[in-house]
Each structure stands twice: as structure tokens, then as C-alpha cells.
Protein backbone atom coordinates (compact mmCIF):
# COMPACT_ATOMS: atom_id res chain seq x y z
CA MET A 1 89.81 117.31 80.17
CA GLN A 2 89.52 113.84 81.50
CA TYR A 3 92.03 112.29 84.08
CA ASN A 4 92.48 108.49 84.12
CA ILE A 5 93.76 107.99 87.82
CA HIS A 6 94.93 104.76 88.95
CA MET A 7 96.73 104.84 92.25
CA THR A 8 98.41 101.92 93.73
CA VAL A 9 99.47 102.24 97.65
CA THR A 10 101.63 99.98 99.31
CA ILE A 11 102.05 100.26 103.01
CA ALA A 12 104.98 98.28 104.36
CA LEU A 13 104.94 98.21 108.46
CA ASN A 14 107.60 97.27 110.65
CA GLU A 15 105.70 98.12 113.53
CA PRO A 16 102.65 95.75 114.42
CA GLN A 17 99.58 97.38 113.86
CA ALA A 18 96.50 97.86 116.08
CA GLY A 19 92.74 97.44 115.30
CA TYR A 20 90.60 99.99 113.97
CA LEU A 21 87.87 101.80 116.18
CA HIS A 22 87.87 98.58 118.58
CA GLU A 23 90.37 96.06 120.04
CA PRO A 24 91.36 93.60 117.55
CA GLN A 25 89.57 90.24 118.23
CA ASN A 26 91.49 88.24 115.35
CA ASP A 27 94.88 89.32 115.75
CA VAL A 28 97.34 86.58 114.50
CA THR A 29 100.48 85.80 116.69
CA ASP A 30 103.53 84.52 114.68
CA PRO A 31 106.02 81.57 115.79
CA GLY A 32 108.03 84.06 117.32
CA GLY A 33 105.50 85.34 119.82
CA ASN A 34 105.16 89.13 118.11
CA ILE A 35 101.40 89.92 117.37
CA ARG A 36 100.31 90.97 114.20
CA ARG A 37 97.68 93.68 114.66
CA ASN A 38 94.73 94.09 112.81
CA ASP A 39 95.41 95.43 109.06
CA LEU A 40 92.17 97.03 109.09
CA LEU A 41 93.69 100.01 111.13
CA TYR A 42 95.34 101.57 107.97
CA LYS A 43 92.69 100.40 105.72
CA GLY A 44 89.93 102.06 107.85
CA ILE A 45 91.97 105.56 108.30
CA LEU A 46 92.60 105.71 104.43
CA GLU A 47 88.78 105.10 103.71
CA ASP A 48 87.64 107.97 106.35
CA LEU A 49 90.05 110.37 105.38
CA PHE A 50 90.38 109.42 101.73
CA ASP A 51 89.82 113.24 100.67
CA ASP A 52 92.83 114.20 102.85
CA PHE A 53 94.97 111.58 101.79
CA LEU A 54 94.50 112.53 98.19
CA ARG A 55 95.18 116.18 99.29
CA PHE A 56 98.42 115.12 101.07
CA MET A 57 99.84 113.31 98.30
CA ILE A 58 98.66 115.39 95.22
CA PRO A 59 99.09 118.96 95.65
CA ASN A 60 96.45 120.15 93.15
CA ALA A 61 94.06 117.43 93.64
CA ASP A 62 91.05 119.57 94.21
CA GLU A 63 91.79 121.20 90.56
CA ARG A 64 91.62 117.66 89.22
CA ILE A 65 88.96 115.79 91.54
CA ASP A 66 85.57 116.75 92.63
CA MET A 67 85.77 116.00 96.45
CA GLN A 68 82.14 117.14 96.91
CA ARG A 69 80.59 114.06 94.87
CA GLY A 70 82.47 111.67 97.40
CA PHE A 71 83.82 108.52 96.84
CA GLU A 72 82.66 105.15 96.34
CA PHE A 73 84.72 101.93 97.59
CA LEU A 74 84.33 99.11 95.08
CA ASN A 75 86.16 96.41 97.07
CA LYS A 76 84.43 93.24 95.47
CA GLU A 77 85.37 94.22 91.87
CA LEU A 78 89.29 93.21 93.01
CA GLU A 79 88.59 89.83 94.68
CA GLN A 80 89.22 87.87 91.54
CA LEU A 81 92.32 90.18 90.70
CA PHE A 82 93.78 89.77 94.07
CA PRO A 83 92.54 86.64 96.10
CA PRO A 84 93.15 86.83 99.92
CA GLU A 85 96.46 85.18 101.13
CA GLU A 86 96.01 81.40 102.36
CA ASN A 87 98.91 81.34 104.55
CA ILE A 88 97.95 83.81 107.77
CA TYR A 89 101.52 84.19 108.30
CA GLN A 90 102.49 85.58 104.96
CA PRO A 91 101.71 89.45 104.21
CA ARG A 92 98.06 90.11 104.18
CA ILE A 93 96.57 92.09 101.24
CA ILE A 94 94.04 94.74 101.18
CA ASP A 95 92.81 95.53 97.78
CA GLN A 96 90.40 98.76 97.45
CA LEU A 97 88.96 100.36 94.25
CA VAL A 98 87.56 103.71 94.51
CA LYS A 99 85.21 105.39 92.24
CA ILE A 100 85.98 109.10 91.79
CA TYR A 101 84.63 112.30 89.92
CA THR A 102 86.73 114.59 87.92
CA ARG A 103 86.16 118.05 88.11
CA ASP A 104 84.64 118.03 84.40
CA GLY A 105 82.03 115.24 85.60
CA LYS A 106 83.90 112.26 84.39
CA GLU A 107 83.57 108.90 86.45
CA GLU A 108 87.14 107.76 86.97
CA TRP A 109 88.51 105.13 89.22
CA ILE A 110 91.49 105.07 91.78
CA LEU A 111 92.84 101.98 92.47
CA LEU A 112 94.46 101.56 96.07
CA HIS A 113 96.72 98.30 96.81
CA LEU A 114 97.82 97.75 100.54
CA GLU A 115 100.11 95.32 101.61
CA ILE A 116 100.80 94.76 104.87
CA GLN A 117 104.31 93.35 106.02
CA ASP A 118 106.27 93.09 109.02
CA ARG A 119 109.64 94.21 107.56
CA TYR A 120 111.04 95.97 104.18
CA SER A 121 112.29 93.13 102.00
CA SER A 122 114.77 93.18 98.97
CA ASP A 123 112.52 92.11 96.41
CA PHE A 124 109.87 95.04 97.27
CA SER A 125 110.48 96.97 94.32
CA GLU A 126 109.71 93.83 92.16
CA ARG A 127 106.42 92.98 93.57
CA MET A 128 105.63 96.79 93.15
CA PHE A 129 106.24 96.09 89.50
CA ARG A 130 104.16 92.61 89.59
CA TYR A 131 101.22 94.67 91.00
CA PHE A 132 101.63 97.34 88.39
CA ILE A 133 101.46 94.63 85.82
CA ARG A 134 98.53 93.12 87.15
CA ILE A 135 96.44 96.15 87.58
CA TYR A 136 97.43 97.47 84.23
CA ASP A 137 96.42 94.33 82.04
CA LYS A 138 93.33 94.34 83.87
CA TYR A 139 92.21 98.15 83.65
CA GLN A 140 94.27 99.22 80.43
CA ARG A 141 94.42 102.76 82.47
CA PRO A 142 97.31 104.79 83.65
CA ILE A 143 98.45 104.09 87.17
CA SER A 144 99.89 106.00 89.54
CA ALA A 145 101.81 104.37 92.27
CA TYR A 146 102.75 105.30 95.96
CA ALA A 147 104.40 103.31 98.03
CA ILE A 148 104.07 104.26 101.62
CA LEU A 149 106.66 103.04 104.31
CA THR A 150 105.91 103.07 108.24
CA GLU A 151 109.32 101.23 109.00
CA ALA A 152 111.45 102.91 111.56
CA SER A 153 114.52 103.08 109.61
CA SER A 154 115.39 106.32 107.78
CA ILE A 155 117.56 104.05 105.28
CA VAL A 156 116.75 105.03 101.77
CA ARG A 157 115.02 102.49 99.86
CA SER A 158 114.84 101.56 95.88
CA ASN A 159 111.70 102.92 94.00
CA ILE A 160 112.75 101.65 90.79
CA PHE A 161 112.74 98.16 89.15
CA SER A 162 114.74 97.17 85.79
CA LEU A 163 114.67 94.79 83.43
CA SER A 164 117.00 94.48 80.52
CA CYS A 165 117.65 91.97 77.98
CA LEU A 166 119.23 91.99 74.42
CA GLY A 167 118.23 95.62 73.84
CA THR A 168 115.03 95.35 75.39
CA LYS A 169 114.46 97.15 78.63
CA VAL A 170 111.82 98.27 81.09
CA ASP A 171 112.41 100.75 83.97
CA TYR A 172 109.56 101.08 86.40
CA THR A 173 109.76 103.78 89.01
CA PHE A 174 107.28 104.63 91.51
CA ASN A 175 106.54 106.88 94.32
CA MET A 176 108.24 106.40 97.56
CA PHE A 177 107.11 108.16 100.99
CA LYS A 178 108.68 107.33 104.14
CA MET A 179 106.67 108.58 107.02
CA ALA A 180 110.01 107.99 109.27
CA THR A 181 111.75 111.08 107.47
CA GLN A 182 108.73 113.40 107.59
CA ASP A 183 109.38 116.45 109.18
CA GLU A 184 107.40 116.75 112.35
CA ALA A 185 107.21 120.52 112.85
CA GLN A 186 105.68 120.60 109.29
CA LEU A 187 103.24 117.85 110.22
CA GLU A 188 102.15 119.73 112.92
CA ASN A 189 101.63 122.86 111.53
CA SER A 190 100.02 121.26 108.56
CA GLU A 191 96.16 121.63 108.55
CA ASN A 192 95.57 118.28 106.47
CA PRO A 193 94.20 115.59 108.69
CA PHE A 194 96.34 112.92 106.74
CA ALA A 195 99.34 115.06 107.98
CA LYS A 196 98.15 113.87 111.63
CA VAL A 197 97.96 110.09 110.52
CA VAL A 198 101.77 110.49 109.83
CA LEU A 199 102.55 112.32 112.63
CA ILE A 200 100.78 109.72 115.14
CA ALA A 201 102.66 106.86 113.01
CA LYS A 202 106.06 108.52 113.69
CA ALA A 203 105.31 108.87 117.35
CA ALA A 204 104.73 105.02 117.53
CA LEU A 205 108.07 104.46 116.41
CA GLN A 206 109.83 106.36 119.40
CA GLY A 207 111.13 104.68 122.46
CA LYS A 208 111.81 101.27 120.91
CA ALA A 209 115.20 101.28 122.02
CA LEU A 210 113.82 101.62 125.81
CA GLN A 211 112.96 98.59 128.06
CA GLU A 212 108.98 97.99 128.34
CA HIS A 213 108.53 99.78 131.67
CA ALA A 214 110.26 103.01 130.68
CA ARG A 215 108.66 102.95 126.73
CA ASP A 216 105.31 102.78 128.08
CA THR A 217 106.07 105.78 130.31
CA PHE A 218 107.62 107.82 127.61
CA LEU A 219 104.84 106.92 125.20
CA LEU A 220 102.20 107.88 127.73
CA GLU A 221 103.35 111.21 127.50
CA VAL A 222 103.75 111.12 123.90
CA LYS A 223 100.22 109.86 123.51
CA THR A 224 98.90 112.69 126.02
CA LYS A 225 100.36 115.21 123.94
CA LEU A 226 99.24 114.22 120.53
CA ALA A 227 95.74 113.73 122.03
CA ARG A 228 96.00 117.44 123.19
CA HIS A 229 97.18 118.55 119.73
CA LEU A 230 94.40 116.91 117.84
CA LEU A 231 91.92 118.28 119.90
CA SER A 232 93.27 122.07 119.50
CA GLN A 233 92.83 121.62 115.61
CA SER A 234 90.01 123.40 113.84
CA MET A 235 88.80 120.89 111.82
CA HIS A 236 85.66 118.71 111.54
CA LYS A 237 84.93 117.09 115.06
CA ASN A 238 84.18 113.80 113.01
CA LYS A 239 87.96 113.79 111.48
CA ILE A 240 89.06 114.65 114.86
CA ARG A 241 87.18 111.52 116.36
CA ILE A 242 88.91 109.41 113.56
CA LEU A 243 92.36 110.70 114.37
CA ILE A 244 91.55 110.08 118.19
CA ASN A 245 90.58 106.44 117.67
CA PHE A 246 93.88 106.09 115.35
CA LEU A 247 95.88 107.38 118.08
CA LYS A 248 94.51 104.96 120.66
CA TYR A 249 95.02 101.92 119.02
CA HIS A 250 97.84 102.72 116.71
CA ILE A 251 100.19 103.70 119.74
CA ARG A 252 100.02 100.52 122.14
CA PHE A 253 101.40 99.94 125.59
CA THR A 254 102.73 96.99 127.21
CA ASP A 255 100.91 97.46 130.27
CA ASN A 256 97.21 97.61 129.72
CA ARG A 257 97.13 99.62 132.66
CA ASN A 258 98.62 102.65 130.99
CA ASN A 259 95.64 102.60 128.59
CA THR A 260 93.21 103.38 131.65
CA ILE A 261 95.60 106.49 132.49
CA PHE A 262 95.39 107.42 129.03
CA GLU A 263 91.71 107.42 128.84
CA GLN A 264 91.56 109.61 132.32
CA ARG A 265 93.50 111.91 130.71
CA LEU A 266 91.76 111.96 127.56
CA ASP A 267 88.71 112.76 129.34
CA GLU A 268 90.05 115.71 131.22
CA ILE A 269 91.66 117.06 127.92
CA THR A 270 87.89 116.67 126.18
CA GLU A 271 86.59 118.56 128.79
CA ARG A 272 88.73 121.46 128.52
CA SER A 273 89.05 121.32 124.39
CA THR A 274 88.50 124.39 122.42
CA THR A 275 87.54 122.31 119.32
CA MET A 276 83.85 123.60 119.50
CA GLY A 277 83.28 126.33 117.01
CA ILE A 278 81.58 129.75 118.06
CA GLU A 279 78.67 129.17 116.20
CA GLU A 280 78.12 125.57 118.23
CA GLN A 281 79.22 127.43 121.53
CA ILE A 282 76.47 129.93 120.95
CA ILE A 283 73.70 127.28 120.28
CA ASP A 284 75.12 125.08 123.31
CA LEU A 285 74.85 128.19 125.56
CA ALA A 286 71.60 128.81 124.15
CA THR A 287 70.25 125.62 125.19
CA LYS A 288 71.88 125.39 128.42
CA GLU A 289 70.38 128.94 129.18
CA GLY A 290 66.91 127.96 127.95
CA VAL A 291 66.88 124.85 130.27
CA LYS A 292 67.85 127.18 133.43
CA GLN A 293 65.06 129.74 132.44
CA GLY A 294 62.50 126.82 132.60
CA LYS A 295 63.80 125.50 136.08
CA LEU A 296 63.37 128.99 137.31
CA GLN A 297 59.71 129.58 136.01
CA THR A 298 59.00 126.20 137.77
CA ALA A 299 60.47 127.09 140.67
CA ARG A 300 58.83 130.69 140.59
CA GLU A 301 55.17 128.53 140.40
CA MET A 302 56.17 126.28 142.63
CA LYS A 303 56.91 129.03 145.43
CA ALA A 304 53.67 130.89 144.52
CA ASP A 305 51.78 128.01 145.44
CA GLY A 306 53.72 127.55 149.01
CA GLN A 307 55.94 124.79 148.38
CA SER A 308 58.96 124.69 150.82
CA ASP A 309 62.51 125.76 149.03
CA GLU A 310 63.66 122.09 149.80
CA LEU A 311 60.90 120.66 147.97
CA ILE A 312 61.56 122.96 145.24
CA ALA A 313 65.27 122.59 144.96
CA LYS A 314 64.49 118.82 144.95
CA TYR A 315 62.30 118.81 141.65
CA THR A 316 64.24 121.69 139.68
CA LYS A 317 67.54 121.05 140.56
CA LEU A 318 68.44 124.64 141.83
CA SER A 319 70.47 125.45 144.90
CA ILE A 320 68.64 126.77 147.80
CA GLU A 321 70.15 130.23 147.54
CA GLU A 322 68.93 130.59 143.75
CA ILE A 323 65.61 129.72 145.20
CA LYS A 324 65.71 132.11 148.12
CA ASN A 325 66.73 135.06 145.65
CA LEU A 326 63.62 134.21 143.02
CA LYS A 327 61.50 137.38 142.63
């Protein structure tokens, strides 16, 4: 069976966004003084966790898509269809065309359309319809459209656009996903890494009513709690690293000194982290034990040659007590 899947994903942002994996160098400040953070944050997390994104949005994704064959992002193919915005203060558009493979070996494409905007607008549904028309006209394939809203408001937004004229009618309905209304307990209990993206996005909206200092103090505790949660997950370490980076730059402090405090806490948590698998722990322990045995053997040979305990300790980094107890 062949599946033709195109997916339009619109991300509407009310909360300003941070840079992805590093501090943004090209943020834009609007006339009101607010910083529009680097829109590559969500683009990057979707690319890195694309398989988890599909599983989160499509319950039977593994039955339809061969995840093991990976994905190829074909962004250049869309440059003519969706040219960059010329006005830097207008919502910027990021488009991604992704090549996937179905379970029966067929090559298919999933189209991601990410629209970054500062606030929900009344013509949102109409714009979704316009993009649907442009995409369908270009590719002539079925399109599954998802609007992902990261705004703080829990107000229900319309996911329908209708047109009618003299007996002709079009009703366009797309999937609507609001991060603000997702259940935190379910997100915490979920094993899907993209659920953690939603959890972090929800956390970034907390404390908005607080004053700057109080908000920073509150978010520092929230961010620390999330870091502990992420590092306790039994998922691939690389995905935990990706999520930790997303956490770092998505939840931002007004006072940069809190970034230093968080990094210190993160170092402490990491040292106590239980994310290392049993096999990795065994290998790590065996490696350390092998190094220790090598030092002990060197110490025995130096002691047999009549070297002082102090000199042996200097070169082997063993304690004087360990050297005295050598047999």
C-alpha cells in the first residue's frame, strides 16, 4: 500500500524564541523593544526529533513510515515556492521538504511549513488555506496540515476556513494542536521525546504575570526541575542532549547571572545522572578498573626498583596508603 503524505506544520509563537544550540547572534529587535529570538530553535528541534514528532502526531506512524531508513530534508526545493520575507519585522517563513520511505519501500515526501509569528491573528485560518492551495498546486498530492500553537492563551482557535458563493462552497479544516492546553502529567509520563519539547514549551509560559526578579527565581526552579526530569529519562543520550539544549535556550532569564547558576546546577545534576545504561556502566567500570590495575602494576615495579613511595605516588597518582599496602 502506498501512502502519499504531505504535512503542513504552522507554529504560531506568542513567547519570543531563543537560538538553537548556541546563543543567537542575529536576533531582531522590533520597534517596541522586544527581541524576536532565532526562529531556528523550533526548526532545529523538529529536524533532530523528526521521528518522534511523527510518532507524537500520528499514532500509527511506525506502521506507515519506515523510520529506520531515516529522513532527508530537501529545503532548496521550496525556495521558489516560498521565498524569504523581505521585511525583517514580518513573520518569517521556514519551509522544509522531507523525503521519507513508507513500509512498502515507496519514496514519499512530508512537507513542513513553519510560520513564526509573535501573536495569533484573526486571518490565521485563511493563511493556512492559502498555503494549502500553493502546496497542492505545486505537488498535486494529499496534504495533512497541522497548526501548532505555542501561545500562552488557552482560548480555542478556529481550525476551519470557509468560502461560499452562489452555491459553490469550500470548507477547509486542518489539525490544531495547542501546547498550552496539553496535560503536564501525561507529557511527563510519556516516553516520546517530542512530548518533552511540549513540556518545555509549556514551562516557558509560566510566571508571565510575575515581576522580572520573581519570574527569574521561579523559572530557575522550573528549569532545574525539568533538567532533572530529562536526565532521568531512559532515552538515547543524544536525544537527551538535544532536549537539554532546547531547555537551555527556550526558557530564558532576564538576568544573565541566572544562566550561570543554572549551568552550575546542571553540572551537579549531570554528575549524579542515572541516564547511563547498564552496559555503558559496565564498560566504564571496566575501563577505570583497567587503568587502576595498570597504575598498581607500575607502582609494584617501581617499588621493586627501590623507588620511594613519594616518587611512586607522583608518577602513578596513587595514594601513599595504596602504595604502602602493595604486595
